[in-house]
PDB file of N, CA and C in Angstrom:
ATOM      1  N   MET A   1       0.952  -1.248  -0.174  1.00  0.00           N
ATOM      2  CA  MET A   1      -0.357  -0.026  -0.007  1.00  0.00           C
ATOM      3  C   MET A   1       0.909   1.137   0.091  1.00  0.00           C
ATOM      4  N   CYS A   2       0.373   2.238  -0.535  1.00  0.00           N
ATOM      5  CA  CYS A   2       1.202   3.455  -0.771  1.00  0.00           C
ATOM      6  C   CYS A   2       1.458   4.331   0.443  1.00  0.00           C
ATOM      7  N   ARG A   3       0.644   4.047   1.328  1.00  0.00           N
ATOM      8  CA  ARG A   3       0.653   4.572   2.767  1.00  0.00           C
ATOM      9  C   ARG A   3       0.606   6.370   2.729  1.00  0.00           C
ATOM     10  N   GLY A   4       0.115   6.913   1.475  1.00  0.00           N
ATOM     11  CA  GLY A   4      -0.360   8.248   1.346  1.00  0.00           C
ATOM     12  C   GLY A   4       0.856   9.208   1.081  1.00  0.00           C
ATOM     13  N   ASN A   5       1.954   8.616   0.585  1.00  0.00           N
ATOM     14  CA  ASN A   5       3.237   9.369  -0.034  1.00  0.00           C
ATOM     15  C   ASN A   5       2.721   9.952  -1.222  1.00  0.00           C
ATOM     16  N   PRO A   6       2.958  11.160  -1.062  1.00  0.00           N
ATOM     17  CA  PRO A   6       2.333  11.785  -2.387  1.00  0.00           C
ATOM     18  C   PRO A   6       3.065  11.819  -3.709  1.00  0.00           C
ATOM     19  N   ARG A   7       4.336  11.325  -3.482  1.00  0.00           N
ATOM     20  CA  ARG A   7       5.394  11.237  -4.417  1.00  0.00           C
ATOM     21  C   ARG A   7       5.197   9.724  -5.354  1.00  0.00           C
ATOM     22  N   VAL A   8       4.199   9.034  -4.630  1.00  0.00           N
ATOM     23  CA  VAL A   8       3.935   7.812  -5.456  1.00  0.00           C
ATOM     24  C   VAL A   8       2.549   7.487  -5.650  1.00  0.00           C
ATOM     25  N   ILE A   9       2.245   6.463  -6.617  1.00  0.00           N
ATOM     26  CA  ILE A   9       0.963   6.387  -7.075  1.00  0.00           C
ATOM     27  C   ILE A   9       0.992   4.834  -7.079  1.00  0.00           C
ATOM     28  N   HIS A  10      -0.381   4.424  -6.963  1.00  0.00           N
ATOM     29  CA  HIS A  10      -0.597   2.935  -7.057  1.00  0.00           C
ATOM     30  C   HIS A  10      -1.025   2.366  -8.471  1.00  0.00           C
ATOM     31  N   GLY A  11      -0.111   1.711  -8.981  1.00  0.00           N
ATOM     32  CA  GLY A  11      -0.326   0.807 -10.254  1.00  0.00           C
ATOM     33  C   GLY A  11      -1.429  -0.162  -9.845  1.00  0.00           C
ATOM     34  N   SER A  12      -2.180  -0.523 -11.054  1.00  0.00           N
ATOM     35  CA  SER A  12      -3.022  -1.614 -10.956  1.00  0.00           C
ATOM     36  C   SER A  12      -2.898  -2.297 -11.994  1.00  0.00           C
ATOM     37  N   PRO A  13      -2.756  -3.716 -11.847  1.00  0.00           N
ATOM     38  CA  PRO A  13      -2.557  -4.319 -10.562  1.00  0.00           C
ATOM     39  C   PRO A  13      -0.741  -4.159 -10.319  1.00  0.00           C
ATOM     40  N   GLY A  14      -0.450  -3.967  -9.080  1.00  0.00           N
ATOM     41  CA  GLY A  14       0.887  -4.019  -8.825  1.00  0.00           C
ATOM     42  C   GLY A  14       1.410  -3.092  -7.647  1.00  0.00           C
ATOM     43  N   PRO A  15       2.397  -2.835  -7.235  1.00  0.00           N
ATOM     44  CA  PRO A  15       3.001  -2.349  -6.226  1.00  0.00           C
ATOM     45  C   PRO A  15       3.012  -0.444  -6.315  1.00  0.00           C
ATOM     46  N   CYS A  16       3.361   0.447  -5.329  1.00  0.00           N
ATOM     47  CA  CYS A  16       3.416   1.795  -5.302  1.00  0.00           C
ATOM     48  C   CYS A  16       4.762   1.815  -6.275  1.00  0.00           C
ATOM     49  N   VAL A  17       4.367   2.868  -7.442  1.00  0.00           N
ATOM     50  CA  VAL A  17       5.239   3.177  -8.062  1.00  0.00           C
ATOM     51  C   VAL A  17       5.807   4.760  -7.983  1.00  0.00           C
ATOM     52  N   ASN A  18       6.941   5.413  -8.248  1.00  0.00           N
ATOM     53  CA  ASN A  18       7.204   6.492  -8.235  1.00  0.00           C
ATOM     54  C   ASN A  18       6.756   7.130  -9.444  1.00  0.00           C
ATOM     55  N   VAL A  19       5.887   8.309  -9.251  1.00  0.00           N
ATOM     56  CA  VAL A  19       5.411   9.029 -10.413  1.00  0.00           C
ATOM     57  C   VAL A  19       6.165   9.162 -11.720  1.00  0.00           C
ATOM     58  N   ILE A  20       7.780   9.457 -11.414  1.00  0.00           N
ATOM     59  CA  ILE A  20       8.459   9.370 -12.414  1.00  0.00           C
ATOM     60  C   ILE A  20       8.804   8.302 -13.271  1.00  0.00           C
ATOM     61  N   THR A  21       8.713   7.182 -12.622  1.00  0.00           N
ATOM     62  CA  THR A  21       8.782   6.308 -13.202  1.00  0.00           C
ATOM     63  C   THR A  21       7.838   5.364 -13.847  1.00  0.00           C
ATOM     64  N   TYR A  22       6.760   5.920 -13.643  1.00  0.00           N
ATOM     65  CA  TYR A  22       5.012   5.242 -14.054  1.00  0.00           C
ATOM     66  C   TYR A  22       5.085   4.927 -15.237  1.00  0.00           C
ATOM     67  N   PRO A  23       5.595   6.180 -16.421  1.00  0.00           N
ATOM     68  CA  PRO A  23       5.102   5.778 -17.819  1.00  0.00           C
ATOM     69  C   PRO A  23       6.245   4.463 -18.251  1.00  0.00           C
ATOM     70  N   VAL A  24       7.137   4.064 -17.514  1.00  0.00           N
ATOM     71  CA  VAL A  24       8.049   3.086 -17.879  1.00  0.00           C
ATOM     72  C   VAL A  24       7.518   1.771 -17.229  1.00  0.00           C
ATOM     73  N   TYR A  25       7.068   1.895 -15.993  1.00  0.00           N
ATOM     74  CA  TYR A  25       6.274   0.872 -15.421  1.00  0.00           C
ATOM     75  C   TYR A  25       5.181   0.323 -16.301  1.00  0.00           C
ATOM     76  N   ALA A  26       4.341   1.358 -16.415  1.00  0.00           N
ATOM     77  CA  ALA A  26       3.043   1.089 -17.363  1.00  0.00           C
ATOM     78  C   ALA A  26       3.233   0.385 -18.457  1.00  0.00           C
ATOM     79  N   ALA A  27       4.452   0.998 -19.791  1.00  0.00           N
ATOM     80  CA  ALA A  27       4.779  -0.002 -20.606  1.00  0.00           C
ATOM     81  C   ALA A  27       5.101  -1.465 -20.350  1.00  0.00           C
ATOM     82  N   ALA A  28       5.620  -1.359 -19.029  1.00  0.00           N
ATOM     83  CA  ALA A  28       6.290  -2.880 -18.873  1.00  0.00           C
ATOM     84  C   ALA A  28       5.155  -3.464 -18.249  1.00  0.00           C
ATOM     85  N   MET A  29       3.784  -3.263 -17.823  1.00  0.00           N
ATOM     86  CA  MET A  29       2.903  -3.956 -17.510  1.00  0.00           C
ATOM     87  C   MET A  29       2.376  -4.672 -19.116  1.00  0.00           C
ATOM     88  N   ASN A  30       2.487  -4.131 -19.962  1.00  0.00           N
ATOM     89  CA  ASN A  30       2.110  -4.558 -21.287  1.00  0.00           C
ATOM     90  C   ASN A  30       2.885  -5.087 -21.818  1.00  0.00           C
ATOM     91  N   PRO A  31       3.629  -6.622 -21.805  1.00  0.00           N
ATOM     92  CA  PRO A  31       4.785  -7.100 -22.216  1.00  0.00           C
ATOM     93  C   PRO A  31       5.307  -6.730 -23.740  1.00  0.00           C
ATOM     94  N   GLU A  32       3.628  -6.469 -24.302  1.00  0.00           N
ATOM     95  CA  GLU A  32       3.748  -6.249 -26.211  1.00  0.00           C
ATOM     96  C   GLU A  32       4.599  -4.850 -26.197  1.00  0.00           C
ATOM     97  N   ARG A  33       4.119  -3.881 -25.258  1.00  0.00           N
ATOM     98  CA  ARG A  33       4.528  -2.803 -25.298  1.00  0.00           C
ATOM     99  C   ARG A  33       5.954  -2.313 -24.753  1.00  0.00           C
ATOM    100  N   SER A  34       6.156  -3.374 -24.052  1.00  0.00           N
ATOM    101  CA  SER A  34       7.308  -2.755 -23.290  1.00  0.00           C
ATOM    102  C   SER A  34       8.488  -2.871 -24.018  1.00  0.00           C
ATOM    103  N   PRO A  35       9.656  -1.822 -23.874  1.00  0.00           N
ATOM    104  CA  PRO A  35      10.886  -1.912 -24.425  1.00  0.00           C
ATOM    105  C   PRO A  35      11.848  -2.669 -23.679  1.00  0.00           C
ATOM    106  N   LEU A  36      11.609  -3.322 -22.629  1.00  0.00           N
ATOM    107  CA  LEU A  36      12.319  -4.355 -21.935  1.00  0.00           C
ATOM    108  C   LEU A  36      12.186  -5.610 -22.047  1.00  0.00           C
ATOM    109  N   GLN A  37      13.267  -6.206 -22.483  1.00  0.00           N
ATOM    110  CA  GLN A  37      13.384  -7.586 -22.835  1.00  0.00           C
ATOM    111  C   GLN A  37      14.526  -8.291 -21.685  1.00  0.00           C
ATOM    112  N   PHE A  38      13.819  -9.156 -20.817  1.00  0.00           N
ATOM    113  CA  PHE A  38      14.582  -9.679 -19.794  1.00  0.00           C
ATOM    114  C   PHE A  38      15.442 -10.939 -20.132  1.00  0.00           C
ATOM    115  N   PRO A  39      16.514 -11.145 -19.404  1.00  0.00           N
ATOM    116  CA  PRO A  39      16.953 -10.429 -18.448  1.00  0.00           C
ATOM    117  C   PRO A  39      17.612  -9.281 -19.330  1.00  0.00           C
ATOM    118  N   CYS A  40      17.924  -8.379 -18.528  1.00  0.00           N
ATOM    119  CA  CYS A  40      18.581  -6.776 -18.940  1.00  0.00           C
ATOM    120  C   CYS A  40      19.234  -6.379 -17.685  1.00  0.00           C
ATOM    121  N   ASP A  41      20.080  -5.582 -18.292  1.00  0.00           N
ATOM    122  CA  ASP A  41      21.030  -4.644 -17.032  1.00  0.00           C
ATOM    123  C   ASP A  41      20.106  -3.557 -16.863  1.00  0.00           C
ATOM    124  N   PHE A  42      19.555  -2.927 -15.681  1.00  0.00           N
ATOM    125  CA  PHE A  42      18.427  -1.867 -15.360  1.00  0.00           C
ATOM    126  C   PHE A  42      19.261  -1.136 -14.291  1.00  0.00           C
ATOM    127  N   PRO A  43      19.321   0.150 -14.481  1.00  0.00           N
ATOM    128  CA  PRO A  43      19.893   1.156 -13.191  1.00  0.00           C
ATOM    129  C   PRO A  43      18.558   1.534 -12.426  1.00  0.00           C
ATOM    130  N   ILE A  44      18.715   1.180 -11.110  1.00  0.00           N
ATOM    131  CA  ILE A  44      17.602   1.627 -10.177  1.00  0.00           C
ATOM    132  C   ILE A  44      18.055   2.846  -9.481  1.00  0.00           C
ATOM    133  N   LYS A  45      17.547   4.008  -9.193  1.00  0.00           N
ATOM    134  CA  LYS A  45      18.201   4.872  -8.502  1.00  0.00           C
ATOM    135  C   LYS A  45      17.217   5.522  -7.296  1.00  0.00           C
ATOM    136  N   ALA A  46      17.979   5.467  -6.144  1.00  0.00           N
ATOM    137  CA  ALA A  46      16.951   5.728  -4.782  1.00  0.00           C
ATOM    138  C   ALA A  46      17.703   7.076  -4.206  1.00  0.00           C
ATOM    139  N   PHE A  47      16.728   8.145  -3.685  1.00  0.00           N
ATOM    140  CA  PHE A  47      17.150   9.369  -3.250  1.00  0.00           C
ATOM    141  C   PHE A  47      16.498   9.317  -1.831  1.00  0.00           C
ATOM    142  N   GLY A  48      17.609   9.828  -1.086  1.00  0.00           N
ATOM    143  CA  GLY A  48      17.140  10.084   0.345  1.00  0.00           C
ATOM    144  C   GLY A  48      18.202  10.963   1.281  1.00  0.00           C
ATOM    145  N   ARG A  49      18.002  11.083   2.503  1.00  0.00           N
ATOM    146  CA  ARG A  49      18.905  12.182   3.352  1.00  0.00           C
ATOM    147  C   ARG A  49      20.257  11.378   3.673  1.00  0.00           C
ATOM    148  N   HIS A  50      21.194  12.263   3.201  1.00  0.00           N
ATOM    149  CA  HIS A  50      22.829  11.777   3.644  1.00  0.00           C
ATOM    150  C   HIS A  50      22.933  11.523   5.141  1.00  0.00           C
ATOM    151  N   THR A  51      22.792  10.394   5.497  1.00  0.00           N
ATOM    152  CA  THR A  51      22.690   9.844   6.633  1.00  0.00           C
ATOM    153  C   THR A  51      24.107   9.369   7.307  1.00  0.00           C
ATOM    154  N   GLY A  52      24.885   8.955   6.084  1.00  0.00           N
ATOM    155  CA  GLY A  52      25.929   7.973   6.446  1.00  0.00           C
ATOM    156  C   GLY A  52      25.431   6.352   6.144  1.00  0.00           C
ATOM    157  N   ASP A  53      24.388   5.982   6.517  1.00  0.00           N
ATOM    158  CA  ASP A  53      24.223   4.870   6.010  1.00  0.00           C
ATOM    159  C   ASP A  53      23.052   4.835   5.050  1.00  0.00           C
ATOM    160  N   PHE A  54      22.549   5.557   4.499  1.00  0.00           N
ATOM    161  CA  PHE A  54      21.553   5.351   3.195  1.00  0.00           C
ATOM    162  C   PHE A  54      21.889   4.111   2.172  1.00  0.00           C
ATOM    163  N   ASP A  55      23.033   4.413   1.986  1.00  0.00           N
ATOM    164  CA  ASP A  55      23.705   3.473   0.830  1.00  0.00           C
ATOM    165  C   ASP A  55      23.465   1.989   1.088  1.00  0.00           C
ATOM    166  N   ASP A  56      23.645   1.790   2.638  1.00  0.00           N
ATOM    167  CA  ASP A  56      23.563   0.202   3.002  1.00  0.00           C
ATOM    168  C   ASP A  56      22.007  -0.007   3.252  1.00  0.00           C
ATOM    169  N   LEU A  57      21.198   0.988   3.417  1.00  0.00           N
ATOM    170  CA  LEU A  57      19.981   0.923   3.441  1.00  0.00           C
ATOM    171  C   LEU A  57      18.952   0.311   2.205  1.00  0.00           C
ATOM    172  N   VAL A  58      19.861   1.282   1.163  1.00  0.00           N
ATOM    173  CA  VAL A  58      19.376   0.754  -0.314  1.00  0.00           C
ATOM    174  C   VAL A  58      19.963  -0.963  -0.803  1.00  0.00           C
ATOM    175  N   LEU A  59      21.272  -0.850  -0.544  1.00  0.00           N
ATOM    176  CA  LEU A  59      21.587  -2.370  -0.471  1.00  0.00           C
ATOM    177  C   LEU A  59      20.744  -3.355   0.100  1.00  0.00           C
ATOM    178  N   ALA A  60      20.665  -3.129   1.132  1.00  0.00           N
ATOM    179  CA  ALA A  60      19.666  -4.103   2.093  1.00  0.00           C
ATOM    180  C   ALA A  60      18.308  -4.439   1.231  1.00  0.00           C
ATOM    181  N   LEU A  61      17.487  -3.261   1.020  1.00  0.00           N
ATOM    182  CA  LEU A  61      16.619  -3.220   0.243  1.00  0.00           C
ATOM    183  C   LEU A  61      16.566  -4.088  -0.974  1.00  0.00           C
ATOM    184  N   VAL A  62      17.408  -3.661  -1.766  1.00  0.00           N
ATOM    185  CA  VAL A  62      17.369  -4.379  -3.444  1.00  0.00           C
ATOM    186  C   VAL A  62      17.711  -5.433  -3.098  1.00  0.00           C
ATOM    187  N   SER A  63      18.736  -6.170  -2.059  1.00  0.00           N
ATOM    188  CA  SER A  63      19.526  -7.447  -2.029  1.00  0.00           C
ATOM    189  C   SER A  63      18.292  -8.203  -1.902  1.00  0.00           C
ATOM    190  N   GLU A  64      17.333  -7.871  -1.110  1.00  0.00           N
ATOM    191  CA  GLU A  64      16.165  -9.013  -0.695  1.00  0.00           C
ATOM    192  C   GLU A  64      15.682  -9.296  -2.216  1.00  0.00           C
ATOM    193  N   HIS A  65      15.932  -8.930  -3.199  1.00  0.00           N
ATOM    194  CA  HIS A  65      15.311  -8.986  -4.670  1.00  0.00           C
ATOM    195  C   HIS A  65      16.091  -9.394  -5.414  1.00  0.00           C
ATOM    196  N   ALA A  66      17.465  -9.207  -5.252  1.00  0.00           N
ATOM    197  CA  ALA A  66      18.438  -9.496  -6.163  1.00  0.00           C
ATOM    198  C   ALA A  66      19.745  -9.874  -5.098  1.00  0.00           C
ATOM    199  N   PRO A  67      19.801 -11.318  -4.644  1.00  0.00           N
ATOM    200  CA  PRO A  67      20.644 -11.696  -3.662  1.00  0.00           C
ATOM    201  C   PRO A  67      22.240 -11.509  -4.170  1.00  0.00           C
ATOM    202  N   GLU A  68      22.430 -11.139  -5.717  1.00  0.00           N
ATOM    203  CA  GLU A  68      23.398 -11.448  -6.147  1.00  0.00           C
ATOM    204  C   GLU A  68      24.011 -10.025  -6.278  1.00  0.00           C
ATOM    205  N   LEU A  69      23.404  -9.260  -5.707  1.00  0.00           N
ATOM    206  CA  LEU A  69      24.203  -7.807  -5.955  1.00  0.00           C
ATOM    207  C   LEU A  69      25.007  -7.507  -4.578  1.00  0.00           C
ATOM    208  N   THR A  70      26.091  -6.868  -5.109  1.00  0.00           N
ATOM    209  CA  THR A  70      27.078  -6.629  -4.497  1.00  0.00           C
ATOM    210  C   THR A  70      27.717  -4.828  -4.285  1.00  0.00           C
ATOM    211  N   ARG A  71      28.251  -4.703  -3.571  1.00  0.00           N
ATOM    212  CA  ARG A  71      28.673  -3.018  -2.860  1.00  0.00           C
ATOM    213  C   ARG A  71      29.029  -2.533  -4.373  1.00  0.00           C
ATOM    214  N   ASP A  72      29.822  -3.321  -4.928  1.00  0.00           N
ATOM    215  CA  ASP A  72      30.389  -2.477  -6.315  1.00  0.00           C
ATOM    216  C   ASP A  72      29.436  -2.297  -7.398  1.00  0.00           C
ATOM    217  N   MET A  73      28.625  -2.821  -7.042  1.00  0.00           N
ATOM    218  CA  MET A  73      27.254  -2.655  -8.176  1.00  0.00           C
ATOM    219  C   MET A  73      26.364  -1.168  -7.982  1.00  0.00           C
ATOM    220  N   LEU A  74      27.034  -0.844  -6.810  1.00  0.00           N
ATOM    221  CA  LEU A  74      26.235   0.626  -6.149  1.00  0.00           C
ATOM    222  C   LEU A  74      27.213   1.714  -6.681  1.00  0.00           C
ATOM    223  N   SER A  75      26.687   2.709  -7.293  1.00  0.00           N
ATOM    224  CA  SER A  75      27.432   4.216  -7.041  1.00  0.00           C
ATOM    225  C   SER A  75      26.488   5.129  -6.335  1.00  0.00           C
ATOM    226  N   THR A  76      27.215   6.245  -5.769  1.00  0.00           N
ATOM    227  CA  THR A  76      26.585   7.519  -4.649  1.00  0.00           C
ATOM    228  C   THR A  76      27.156   8.734  -5.335  1.00  0.00           C
ATOM    229  N   ARG A  77      26.176   9.556  -4.982  1.00  0.00           N
ATOM    230  CA  ARG A  77      26.400  10.930  -5.337  1.00  0.00           C
ATOM    231  C   ARG A  77      25.545  11.841  -4.481  1.00  0.00           C
ATOM    232  N   SER A  78      26.264  12.494  -3.824  1.00  0.00           N
ATOM    233  CA  SER A  78      25.753  13.647  -2.904  1.00  0.00           C
ATOM    234  C   SER A  78      25.092  14.947  -3.731  1.00  0.00           C
ATOM    235  N   SER A  79      24.250  15.413  -2.960  1.00  0.00           N
ATOM    236  CA  SER A  79      23.612  16.854  -3.583  1.00  0.00           C
ATOM    237  C   SER A  79      24.429  17.749  -3.157  1.00  0.00           C
ATOM    238  N   ARG A  80      24.620  18.898  -4.048  1.00  0.00           N
ATOM    239  CA  ARG A  80      25.472  19.982  -3.799  1.00  0.00           C
ATOM    240  C   ARG A  80      25.457  20.382  -2.536  1.00  0.00           C
ATOM    241  N   GLY A  81      24.439  20.573  -1.608  1.00  0.00           N
ATOM    242  CA  GLY A  81      24.566  21.055  -0.344  1.00  0.00           C
ATOM    243  C   GLY A  81      25.028  20.033   0.542  1.00  0.00           C
ATOM    244  N   GLY A  82      24.889  18.595   0.150  1.00  0.00           N
ATOM    245  CA  GLY A  82      25.578  17.521   0.937  1.00  0.00           C
ATOM    246  C   GLY A  82      24.438  16.953   1.667  1.00  0.00           C
ATOM    247  N   ARG A  83      23.015  17.497   1.942  1.00  0.00           N
ATOM    248  CA  ARG A  83      21.925  16.656   2.676  1.00  0.00           C
ATOM    249  C   ARG A  83      21.237  15.773   2.035  1.00  0.00           C
ATOM    250  N   TYR A  84      21.267  15.523   0.934  1.00  0.00           N
ATOM    251  CA  TYR A  84      20.694  14.067  -0.013  1.00  0.00           C
ATOM    252  C   TYR A  84      21.680  13.460  -0.507  1.00  0.00           C
ATOM    253  N   LEU A  85      21.330  11.958  -0.695  1.00  0.00           N
ATOM    254  CA  LEU A  85      22.449  11.270  -1.377  1.00  0.00           C
ATOM    255  C   LEU A  85      21.369  10.389  -2.272  1.00  0.00           C
ATOM    256  N   ALA A  86      22.162  10.222  -3.651  1.00  0.00           N
ATOM    257  CA  ALA A  86      21.468   9.390  -4.985  1.00  0.00           C
ATOM    258  C   ALA A  86      22.213   8.325  -4.597  1.00  0.00           C
ATOM    259  N   VAL A  87      21.617   6.789  -4.741  1.00  0.00           N
ATOM    260  CA  VAL A  87      22.416   5.693  -4.819  1.00  0.00           C
ATOM    261  C   VAL A  87      21.978   4.953  -6.035  1.00  0.00           C
ATOM    262  N   THR A  88      22.657   4.634  -7.382  1.00  0.00           N
ATOM    263  CA  THR A  88      22.270   3.848  -8.317  1.00  0.00           C
ATOM    264  C   THR A  88      22.991   2.662  -7.771  1.00  0.00           C
ATOM    265  N   VAL A  89      21.807   1.704  -8.356  1.00  0.00           N
ATOM    266  CA  VAL A  89      22.248   0.242  -8.262  1.00  0.00           C
ATOM    267  C   VAL A  89      21.795  -0.254  -9.906  1.00  0.00           C
ATOM    268  N   ASN A  90      23.300  -0.778 -10.122  1.00  0.00           N
ATOM    269  CA  ASN A  90      23.279  -1.189 -11.345  1.00  0.00           C
ATOM    270  C   ASN A  90      23.142  -2.805 -11.337  1.00  0.00           C
ATOM    271  N   LEU A  91      22.064  -3.441 -11.964  1.00  0.00           N
ATOM    272  CA  LEU A  91      21.766  -4.871 -11.724  1.00  0.00           C
ATOM    273  C   LEU A  91      21.089  -5.464 -13.072  1.00  0.00           C
ATOM    274  N   ARG A  92      21.521  -6.530 -13.268  1.00  0.00           N
ATOM    275  CA  ARG A  92      20.649  -7.541 -14.011  1.00  0.00           C
ATOM    276  C   ARG A  92      19.634  -8.207 -13.825  1.00  0.00           C
ATOM    277  N   ALA A  93      18.344  -7.217 -14.041  1.00  0.00           N
ATOM    278  CA  ALA A  93      16.931  -7.544 -13.979  1.00  0.00           C
ATOM    279  C   ALA A  93      16.804  -9.203 -14.535  1.00  0.00           C
ATOM    280  N   ARG A  94      16.169  -9.871 -13.956  1.00  0.00           N
ATOM    281  CA  ARG A  94      15.517 -11.086 -14.452  1.00  0.00           C
ATOM    282  C   ARG A  94      14.156 -11.247 -14.970  1.00  0.00           C
ATOM    283  N   SER A  95      13.196 -10.244 -14.401  1.00  0.00           N
ATOM    284  CA  SER A  95      12.112 -10.089 -15.018  1.00  0.00           C
ATOM    285  C   SER A  95      11.371  -9.113 -14.246  1.00  0.00           C
ATOM    286  N   ARG A  96      10.168  -8.390 -14.853  1.00  0.00           N
ATOM    287  CA  ARG A  96       9.388  -7.306 -14.382  1.00  0.00           C
ATOM    288  C   ARG A  96       8.949  -7.515 -13.071  1.00  0.00           C
ATOM    289  N   ALA A  97       8.589  -8.991 -12.614  1.00  0.00           N
ATOM    290  CA  ALA A  97       8.084  -9.126 -11.078  1.00  0.00           C
ATOM    291  C   ALA A  97       9.246  -8.877 -10.120  1.00  0.00           C
ATOM    292  N   GLN A  98      10.295  -9.135 -10.646  1.00  0.00           N
ATOM    293  CA  GLN A  98      11.484  -8.769  -9.793  1.00  0.00           C
ATOM    294  C   GLN A  98      11.593  -7.259  -9.452  1.00  0.00           C
ATOM    295  N   LEU A  99      11.828  -6.318 -10.775  1.00  0.00           N
ATOM    296  CA  LEU A  99      11.541  -5.056 -10.387  1.00  0.00           C
ATOM    297  C   LEU A  99      10.493  -4.772  -9.691  1.00  0.00           C
ATOM    298  N   ASP A 100       9.382  -4.836  -9.988  1.00  0.00           N
ATOM    299  CA  ASP A 100       8.217  -4.742  -9.158  1.00  0.00           C
ATOM    300  C   ASP A 100       8.473  -4.498  -7.668  1.00  0.00           C
ATOM    301  N   ARG A 101       8.769  -5.934  -7.370  1.00  0.00           N
ATOM    302  CA  ARG A 101       9.050  -6.152  -5.847  1.00  0.00           C
ATOM    303  C   ARG A 101      10.131  -5.015  -5.542  1.00  0.00           C
ATOM    304  N   ILE A 102      11.149  -4.479  -6.213  1.00  0.00           N
ATOM    305  CA  ILE A 102      12.315  -3.792  -5.873  1.00  0.00           C
ATOM    306  C   ILE A 102      11.911  -2.386  -5.562  1.00  0.00           C
ATOM    307  N   TYR A 103      10.860  -2.260  -6.698  1.00  0.00           N
ATOM    308  CA  TYR A 103      10.770  -0.663  -6.565  1.00  0.00           C
ATOM    309  C   TYR A 103       9.227  -0.590  -5.369  1.00  0.00           C
ATOM    310  N   GLU A 104       8.675  -1.550  -5.060  1.00  0.00           N
ATOM    311  CA  GLU A 104       7.643  -1.660  -3.853  1.00  0.00           C
ATOM    312  C   GLU A 104       8.430  -1.494  -2.548  1.00  0.00           C
ATOM    313  N   SER A 105       9.317  -2.209  -2.719  1.00  0.00           N
ATOM    314  CA  SER A 105      10.729  -2.026  -1.397  1.00  0.00           C
ATOM    315  C   SER A 105      10.812  -0.821  -0.962  1.00  0.00           C
ATOM    316  N   LEU A 106      11.504  -0.056  -2.056  1.00  0.00           N
ATOM    317  CA  LEU A 106      12.083   1.144  -2.091  1.00  0.00           C
ATOM    318  C   LEU A 106      11.113   2.268  -1.803  1.00  0.00           C
ATOM    319  N   SER A 107       9.794   1.994  -2.284  1.00  0.00           N
ATOM    320  CA  SER A 107       8.537   3.223  -2.112  1.00  0.00           C
ATOM    321  C   SER A 107       8.281   3.270  -0.738  1.00  0.00           C
ATOM    322  N   ALA A 108       8.242   2.032  -0.379  1.00  0.00           N
ATOM    323  CA  ALA A 108       7.664   1.434   0.946  1.00  0.00           C
ATOM    324  C   ALA A 108       8.301   2.400   2.018  1.00  0.00           C
ATOM    325  N   HIS A 109       9.526   2.234   2.049  1.00  0.00           N
ATOM    326  CA  HIS A 109      10.148   2.415   3.112  1.00  0.00           C
ATOM    327  C   HIS A 109      10.438   4.105   3.472  1.00  0.00           C
ATOM    328  N   GLU A 110      10.211   4.489   4.534  1.00  0.00           N
ATOM    329  CA  GLU A 110      10.277   5.953   4.932  1.00  0.00           C
ATOM    330  C   GLU A 110      11.534   6.795   4.610  1.00  0.00           C
ATOM    331  N   ARG A 111      12.354   6.032   4.668  1.00  0.00           N
ATOM    332  CA  ARG A 111      13.840   7.128   4.348  1.00  0.00           C
ATOM    333  C   ARG A 111      13.815   7.339   2.970  1.00  0.00           C
ATOM    334  N   VAL A 112      13.303   6.499   1.764  1.00  0.00           N
ATOM    335  CA  VAL A 112      13.768   6.611   0.608  1.00  0.00           C
ATOM    336  C   VAL A 112      12.819   7.586   0.297  1.00  0.00           C
ATOM    337  N   LEU A 113      12.888   8.381  -0.183  1.00  0.00           N
ATOM    338  CA  LEU A 113      12.255  10.002  -0.805  1.00  0.00           C
ATOM    339  C   LEU A 113      11.710   9.756  -2.228  1.00  0.00           C
ATOM    340  N   ALA A 114      12.386   8.985  -3.014  1.00  0.00           N
ATOM    341  CA  ALA A 114      12.202   8.925  -4.244  1.00  0.00           C
ATOM    342  C   ALA A 114      12.616   7.727  -4.979  1.00  0.00           C
ATOM    343  N   ALA A 115      12.435   6.863  -5.670  1.00  0.00           N
ATOM    344  CA  ALA A 115      12.540   6.004  -6.207  1.00  0.00           C
ATOM    345  C   ALA A 115      12.704   5.707  -8.003  1.00  0.00           C
ATOM    346  N   LEU A 116      13.854   6.003  -8.974  1.00  0.00           N
ATOM    347  CA  LEU A 116      13.730   5.749 -10.239  1.00  0.00           C
ATOM    348  C   LEU A 116      14.088   4.605 -11.059  1.00  0.00           C
TER     349      LEU A 116
END
C-alpha cells in the first residue's frame, strides 16, 4: 500500500510506483509494448537524506530481491549541499516481477524519498 506518500501512485495491479517511473512501469505492465527484454541490465536510483548509512539501506532493500547484488554494483552522489544522497544500483534484472518487488520495497520505506 502507498501509505499516502504524495510522490508515489498505485499501479493497478501492482505495487506503489514513483510518479517519475510510472510511464516506464506502465509500458512494462503490457509486455507487448514494453521496451524491456529480460534479462537486462537495469539501473535503479533511490534518493534519501545523506545520513551516512543510506547506501547500506538501499543495498539491503534491493538485495532482498537480487541476492547477487554486491557493493561494487552501487554508485553514490551527494547533492550540492550534501543533505541528500542518490544511490544508483546497476543490476541484471531477471523479470518485470523482480523490478516490481524492488520498487515496492524502495517506495514503501520511509527513508527513501524517491525511486527512479
